[in-house]
């Protein structure tokens, strides 16, 4: 308890805004991977921030067992109510895809929870497909900012229908199949999380040397 109350992050920011409080912070330092890492800042970051989530969609806080921080969000839209989204999920289904519609992100996160999807890999793979589509390397309606296609694409991936059958293999296999492996934002086949190494170079070193590839759970070099 002492450790959690001594830090402004754990005593104030995380309890009040959840992990999505990182959205504006990472965006402001130029390390928020945006539109499949084509940019490092997202002009709609404020609209999908922890502050916006708390103001418009928060039902209550929740916590892991015995944790005094209670950073988990229980959020609600007109369509769904449930746990999340966390920062990485909001980024992957939001900034990475050029989407600033927080309700669509919450609903997509809820769907990922139901389908058993990792939101980082799922969102990053969709972002990869969006760039390939915009470059006319793939014939699809996916485009950056198309919030209306998030949920349908996730469902197609889950049931391997249409383009979703290819996307279900992850961004690297998908990008390789269409002749542009460099458009998969991954290391050793694992999609990178929100932290763009151009803004956080220590994180780039971590991605390059981790035995799991681009994993921010094997180590943390954000500082």
Protein backbone atom coordinates (compact mmCIF):
# COMPACT_ATOMS: atom_id res chain seq x y z
CA UNK A 1 0.00 0.00 0.00
CA UNK A 2 2.84 2.42 0.84
CA UNK A 3 4.37 2.03 -2.61
CA UNK A 4 1.05 2.68 -4.35
CA UNK A 5 0.33 5.87 -2.39
CA UNK A 6 3.85 7.29 -2.74
CA UNK A 7 3.66 7.62 -6.52
CA UNK A 8 1.31 10.11 -8.26
CA UNK A 9 0.89 7.54 -11.04
CA UNK A 10 -0.39 4.74 -8.81
CA UNK A 11 -2.17 6.90 -6.22
CA UNK A 12 -3.92 9.34 -8.57
CA UNK A 13 -3.55 8.86 -12.33
CA UNK A 14 -4.21 5.11 -12.62
CA UNK A 15 -7.13 4.98 -10.14
CA UNK A 16 -8.81 7.99 -11.74
CA UNK A 17 -8.21 7.34 -15.43
CA UNK A 18 -6.99 3.75 -15.74
CA UNK A 19 -4.04 2.66 -17.88
CA UNK A 20 -5.48 4.69 -20.79
CA UNK A 21 -4.08 7.72 -18.94
CA UNK A 22 -0.93 6.86 -20.94
CA UNK A 23 -2.57 7.86 -24.24
CA UNK A 24 -1.96 11.60 -24.01
CA UNK A 25 1.40 11.11 -22.28
CA UNK A 26 2.83 8.81 -24.96
CA UNK A 27 1.29 10.91 -27.72
CA UNK A 28 2.82 14.12 -26.35
CA UNK A 29 6.34 12.68 -26.38
CA UNK A 30 5.94 11.51 -29.98
CA UNK A 31 5.94 7.78 -29.29
CA UNK A 32 2.35 6.77 -30.10
CA UNK A 33 2.53 4.46 -33.13
CA UNK A 34 -0.19 5.75 -35.45
CA UNK A 35 -1.70 4.40 -38.70
CA UNK A 36 0.43 1.27 -38.70
CA UNK A 37 3.41 3.27 -37.43
CA UNK A 38 3.39 5.74 -40.33
CA UNK A 39 3.27 8.53 -37.72
CA UNK A 40 4.30 8.80 -34.08
CA UNK A 41 1.47 11.09 -32.94
CA UNK A 42 -2.31 10.81 -33.33
CA UNK A 43 -4.29 14.00 -33.77
CA UNK A 44 -7.34 12.42 -32.09
CA UNK A 45 -5.50 11.06 -29.06
CA UNK A 46 -7.51 13.26 -26.69
CA UNK A 47 -10.77 11.73 -27.95
CA UNK A 48 -9.61 8.20 -27.01
CA UNK A 49 -7.75 9.11 -23.82
CA UNK A 50 -8.32 7.92 -20.28
CA UNK A 51 -9.84 11.27 -19.51
CA UNK A 52 -12.43 10.85 -22.29
CA UNK A 53 -13.14 7.28 -21.22
CA UNK A 54 -13.73 8.35 -17.63
CA UNK A 55 -15.92 11.29 -18.60
CA UNK A 56 -18.18 9.52 -21.11
CA UNK A 57 -18.16 5.76 -20.65
CA UNK A 58 -16.94 4.74 -17.18
CA UNK A 59 -19.36 2.73 -15.03
CA UNK A 60 -16.97 1.90 -12.19
CA UNK A 61 -13.42 0.88 -11.34
CA UNK A 62 -12.36 -2.70 -10.73
CA UNK A 63 -9.20 -4.31 -9.42
CA UNK A 64 -7.16 -7.46 -9.47
CA UNK A 65 -7.36 -9.36 -6.17
CA UNK A 66 -5.99 -7.33 -3.25
CA UNK A 67 -4.72 -4.52 -5.50
CA UNK A 68 -5.28 -1.04 -4.02
CA UNK A 69 -4.89 0.79 -7.36
CA UNK A 70 -8.11 -0.35 -9.09
CA UNK A 71 -7.04 0.76 -12.55
CA UNK A 72 -9.36 -1.62 -14.41
CA UNK A 73 -12.28 0.12 -16.14
CA UNK A 74 -15.81 -1.17 -16.43
CA UNK A 75 -17.17 0.82 -19.34
CA UNK A 76 -20.48 1.02 -21.15
CA UNK A 77 -21.73 2.17 -24.55
CA UNK A 78 -25.22 1.93 -26.02
CA UNK A 79 -24.36 -1.59 -27.21
CA UNK A 80 -22.07 -3.21 -24.64
CA UNK A 81 -20.92 -3.12 -21.02
CA UNK A 82 -17.84 -4.85 -19.69
CA UNK A 83 -14.21 -4.77 -18.65
CA UNK A 84 -11.76 -2.48 -20.41
CA UNK A 85 -10.41 -1.17 -22.56
CA UNK A 86 -6.82 -0.92 -21.35
CA UNK A 87 -4.28 1.47 -22.90
CA UNK A 88 -2.77 -1.06 -25.32
CA UNK A 89 -6.22 -2.14 -26.52
CA UNK A 90 -7.36 1.44 -27.01
CA UNK A 91 -4.21 2.19 -28.95
CA UNK A 92 -4.31 -0.95 -31.13
CA UNK A 93 -7.97 -0.56 -32.06
CA UNK A 94 -7.68 3.23 -32.13
CA UNK A 95 -4.54 5.17 -33.05
CA UNK A 96 -2.91 2.23 -34.84
CA UNK A 97 -5.95 2.09 -37.11
CA UNK A 98 -6.39 5.88 -37.30
CA UNK A 99 -9.68 5.56 -35.39
CA UNK A 100 -10.80 8.23 -32.94
CA UNK A 101 -14.25 6.79 -32.15
CA UNK A 102 -14.00 5.66 -28.53
CA UNK A 103 -17.37 3.90 -28.45
CA UNK A 104 -16.38 1.78 -31.47
CA UNK A 105 -13.08 0.95 -29.75
CA UNK A 106 -14.86 -0.10 -26.53
CA UNK A 107 -17.23 -2.31 -28.53
CA UNK A 108 -14.36 -3.85 -30.52
CA UNK A 109 -12.46 -4.51 -27.27
CA UNK A 110 -15.56 -6.17 -25.82
CA UNK A 111 -15.76 -8.37 -28.92
CA UNK A 112 -12.07 -9.30 -28.60
CA UNK A 113 -12.70 -10.34 -25.00
CA UNK A 114 -15.56 -12.58 -26.12
CA UNK A 115 -13.58 -14.07 -29.01
CA UNK A 116 -10.39 -14.61 -27.01
CA UNK A 117 -8.32 -12.25 -29.17
CA UNK A 118 -5.15 -10.50 -28.12
CA UNK A 119 -6.07 -6.89 -28.84
CA UNK A 120 -2.52 -5.78 -29.70
CA UNK A 121 -2.06 -8.40 -32.41
CA UNK A 122 -5.64 -8.11 -33.65
CA UNK A 123 -5.58 -4.32 -33.93
CA UNK A 124 -2.08 -4.23 -35.41
CA UNK A 125 -3.03 -6.82 -38.01
CA UNK A 126 -6.07 -4.78 -39.03
CA UNK A 127 -3.88 -1.66 -39.19
CA UNK A 128 -1.47 -3.53 -41.46
CA UNK A 129 -4.36 -4.53 -43.72
CA UNK A 130 -5.55 -0.93 -43.81
CA UNK A 131 -2.18 0.26 -45.09
CA UNK A 132 -1.98 -2.55 -47.64
CA UNK A 133 -5.48 -1.66 -48.82
CA UNK A 134 -4.66 2.03 -49.11
CA UNK A 135 -1.56 1.13 -51.14
CA UNK A 136 -3.79 -1.04 -53.36
CA UNK A 137 -1.86 -4.19 -52.50
CA UNK A 138 -5.05 -5.75 -51.14
CA UNK A 139 -8.56 -5.40 -52.52
CA UNK A 140 -10.72 -4.46 -49.54
CA UNK A 141 -12.70 -1.57 -48.09
CA UNK A 142 -10.39 -1.33 -45.06
CA UNK A 143 -9.01 2.18 -44.68
CA UNK A 144 -7.54 4.13 -41.76
CA UNK A 145 -10.35 5.69 -39.77
CA UNK A 146 -13.03 3.15 -40.79
CA UNK A 147 -14.41 2.55 -37.30
CA UNK A 148 -17.48 0.91 -38.83
CA UNK A 149 -15.32 -1.98 -40.11
CA UNK A 150 -13.61 -2.83 -36.81
CA UNK A 151 -16.21 -5.22 -35.39
CA UNK A 152 -17.09 -6.89 -38.73
CA UNK A 153 -13.40 -7.49 -39.48
CA UNK A 154 -12.79 -9.02 -36.05
CA UNK A 155 -15.74 -11.36 -36.56
CA UNK A 156 -14.42 -12.36 -39.99
CA UNK A 157 -11.03 -13.10 -38.42
CA UNK A 158 -12.61 -15.22 -35.68
CA UNK A 159 -14.65 -17.32 -38.09
CA UNK A 160 -12.09 -17.17 -40.92
CA UNK A 161 -14.44 -15.68 -43.45
CA UNK A 162 -13.35 -13.70 -46.51
CA UNK A 163 -10.26 -11.58 -45.91
CA UNK A 164 -10.52 -12.49 -42.23
CA UNK A 165 -9.19 -15.96 -43.02
CA UNK A 166 -5.89 -14.36 -44.04
CA UNK A 167 -5.86 -11.79 -41.24
CA UNK A 168 -6.32 -14.57 -38.68
CA UNK A 169 -2.73 -15.63 -39.45
CA UNK A 170 -1.35 -12.34 -38.09
CA UNK A 171 0.20 -9.31 -39.73
CA UNK A 172 3.52 -10.85 -40.78
CA UNK A 173 2.07 -13.79 -42.68
CA UNK A 174 -0.59 -11.51 -44.16
CA UNK A 175 1.89 -8.86 -45.30
CA UNK A 176 4.28 -11.47 -46.68
CA UNK A 177 1.50 -13.06 -48.71
CA UNK A 178 0.80 -9.73 -50.35
CA UNK A 179 4.43 -8.91 -51.06
CA UNK A 180 5.06 -6.28 -48.40
CA UNK A 181 6.47 -7.92 -45.24
CA UNK A 182 7.91 -4.56 -44.18
CA UNK A 183 4.38 -3.33 -43.51
CA UNK A 184 4.00 -5.78 -40.62
CA UNK A 185 4.99 -3.87 -37.49
CA UNK A 186 6.45 -6.90 -35.77
CA UNK A 187 9.64 -8.50 -34.47
CA UNK A 188 10.05 -12.29 -34.69
CA UNK A 189 6.43 -12.42 -35.82
CA UNK A 190 5.07 -10.65 -32.72
CA UNK A 191 3.28 -7.35 -33.28
CA UNK A 192 4.77 -4.32 -31.54
CA UNK A 193 2.80 -2.63 -28.75
CA UNK A 194 1.89 1.07 -28.57
CA UNK A 195 5.34 2.46 -27.80
CA UNK A 196 7.04 3.60 -31.01
CA UNK A 197 10.80 3.04 -30.73
CA UNK A 198 11.47 6.24 -32.67
CA UNK A 199 10.16 8.11 -29.63
CA UNK A 200 11.44 5.65 -27.02
CA UNK A 201 14.71 4.23 -28.31
CA UNK A 202 15.30 2.00 -25.31
CA UNK A 203 12.07 0.26 -26.18
CA UNK A 204 13.44 -0.38 -29.67
CA UNK A 205 16.42 -2.15 -28.13
CA UNK A 206 14.03 -4.24 -26.07
CA UNK A 207 11.97 -5.24 -29.13
CA UNK A 208 15.12 -6.21 -31.02
CA UNK A 209 16.64 -8.35 -28.26
CA UNK A 210 13.65 -9.92 -26.47
CA UNK A 211 13.39 -13.67 -26.91
CA UNK A 212 9.69 -13.20 -27.68
CA UNK A 213 10.18 -10.43 -30.22
CA UNK A 214 8.34 -7.14 -29.81
CA UNK A 215 7.13 -7.85 -26.28
CA UNK A 216 6.76 -5.16 -23.62
CA UNK A 217 6.16 -7.80 -20.94
CA UNK A 218 9.62 -9.39 -21.12
CA UNK A 219 11.15 -6.08 -20.10
CA UNK A 220 10.30 -2.39 -19.87
CA UNK A 221 12.56 0.36 -21.17
CA UNK A 222 9.98 3.16 -21.30
CA UNK A 223 12.03 5.39 -19.05
